[in-house]
Amino acid sequence: MTLKGIHLVVADDDEGLLEIMKMFLEMKGAITHCAKNGIEAFDVWRQHPESRAIISDVRMPGIQADGLSLARKVREVDAKI
């Protein structure tokens, strides 16, 4: 499987896991844009509209910073992602 040139936003509050996902996806050719919570991921996604998908942890600390809140907020802006 190749992800050559595909931009992805990756969000996780566990920095070790975030780094592992980043390394794996980049080994497959993806261009990753990382965030440590849902709010940051939304901002990163807005800064990189070329991103084709968002890979997110569902449970992250903070009100409206978790993966489910991120999904809702992104779908309000772009239902296709």
Protein backbone atom coordinates (compact mmCIF):
# COMPACT_ATOMS: atom_id res chain seq x y z
CA MET A 1 0.00 0.00 0.00
CA THR A 2 1.32 3.42 -0.90
CA LEU A 3 0.18 6.80 0.32
CA LYS A 4 2.67 8.70 -1.82
CA GLY A 5 1.98 12.41 -1.74
CA ILE A 6 -1.29 12.16 0.21
CA HIS A 7 -1.62 14.76 2.96
CA LEU A 8 -3.04 13.49 6.27
CA VAL A 9 -3.77 15.16 9.61
CA VAL A 10 -2.88 12.92 12.55
CA ALA A 11 -4.08 13.74 16.08
CA ASP A 12 -3.27 12.02 19.37
CA ASP A 13 -2.49 13.27 22.87
CA ASP A 14 0.02 10.44 23.38
CA GLU A 15 3.20 11.90 21.87
CA GLY A 16 4.86 8.49 21.54
CA LEU A 17 1.94 7.03 19.61
CA LEU A 18 1.66 10.18 17.51
CA GLU A 19 5.32 9.84 16.53
CA ILE A 20 4.90 6.14 15.66
CA MET A 21 1.86 6.89 13.46
CA LYS A 22 3.71 9.76 11.80
CA MET A 23 6.76 7.58 11.05
CA PHE A 24 4.62 4.70 9.71
CA LEU A 25 2.54 6.94 7.45
CA GLU A 26 5.59 8.77 6.15
CA MET A 27 7.30 5.42 5.40
CA LYS A 28 4.27 4.69 3.21
CA GLY A 29 4.76 8.04 1.43
CA ALA A 30 2.18 10.22 3.19
CA ILE A 31 2.78 13.83 4.12
CA THR A 32 1.65 14.18 7.73
CA HIS A 33 0.48 17.20 9.69
CA CYS A 34 0.36 16.40 13.42
CA ALA A 35 -1.69 17.74 16.33
CA LYS A 36 -1.92 16.93 20.04
CA ASN A 37 -5.68 17.40 20.48
CA GLY A 38 -8.88 17.93 18.52
CA ILE A 39 -8.80 21.72 18.63
CA GLU A 40 -5.23 21.79 17.34
CA ALA A 41 -6.12 19.18 14.70
CA PHE A 42 -8.97 21.34 13.42
CA ASP A 43 -6.59 24.31 13.09
CA VAL A 44 -3.97 22.16 11.35
CA TRP A 45 -6.63 20.83 8.96
CA ARG A 46 -7.71 24.41 8.14
CA GLN A 47 -4.06 25.33 7.47
CA HIS A 48 -3.65 22.32 5.16
CA PRO A 49 -6.83 22.08 3.06
CA GLU A 50 -5.03 19.65 0.75
CA SER A 51 -5.37 17.01 3.51
CA ARG A 52 -7.44 14.05 2.34
CA ALA A 53 -8.21 12.58 5.76
CA ILE A 54 -7.87 13.04 9.50
CA ILE A 55 -6.70 10.17 11.69
CA SER A 56 -7.59 10.89 15.29
CA ASP A 57 -7.66 9.36 18.72
CA VAL A 58 -11.27 9.34 19.91
CA ARG A 59 -10.47 10.02 23.58
CA MET A 60 -8.27 13.02 24.23
CA PRO A 61 -8.41 15.28 27.28
CA GLY A 62 -10.27 18.57 27.23
CA ILE A 63 -13.76 19.74 26.48
CA GLN A 64 -14.33 19.77 22.71
CA ALA A 65 -10.74 18.57 22.17
CA ASP A 66 -11.57 14.87 21.64
CA GLY A 67 -11.83 13.03 18.35
CA LEU A 68 -15.63 12.95 18.23
CA SER A 69 -15.88 16.72 18.69
CA LEU A 70 -13.26 17.12 15.97
CA ALA A 71 -15.28 14.95 13.58
CA ARG A 72 -18.44 16.97 14.20
CA LYS A 73 -16.65 20.28 13.71
CA VAL A 74 -14.93 19.17 10.49
CA ARG A 75 -18.20 17.81 9.04
CA GLU A 76 -19.86 21.18 9.66
CA VAL A 77 -17.26 22.74 7.36
CA ASP A 78 -16.71 19.90 4.85
CA ALA A 79 -19.06 16.92 4.77
CA LYS A 80 -16.86 15.15 2.20
CA ILE A 81 -13.90 14.51 4.51
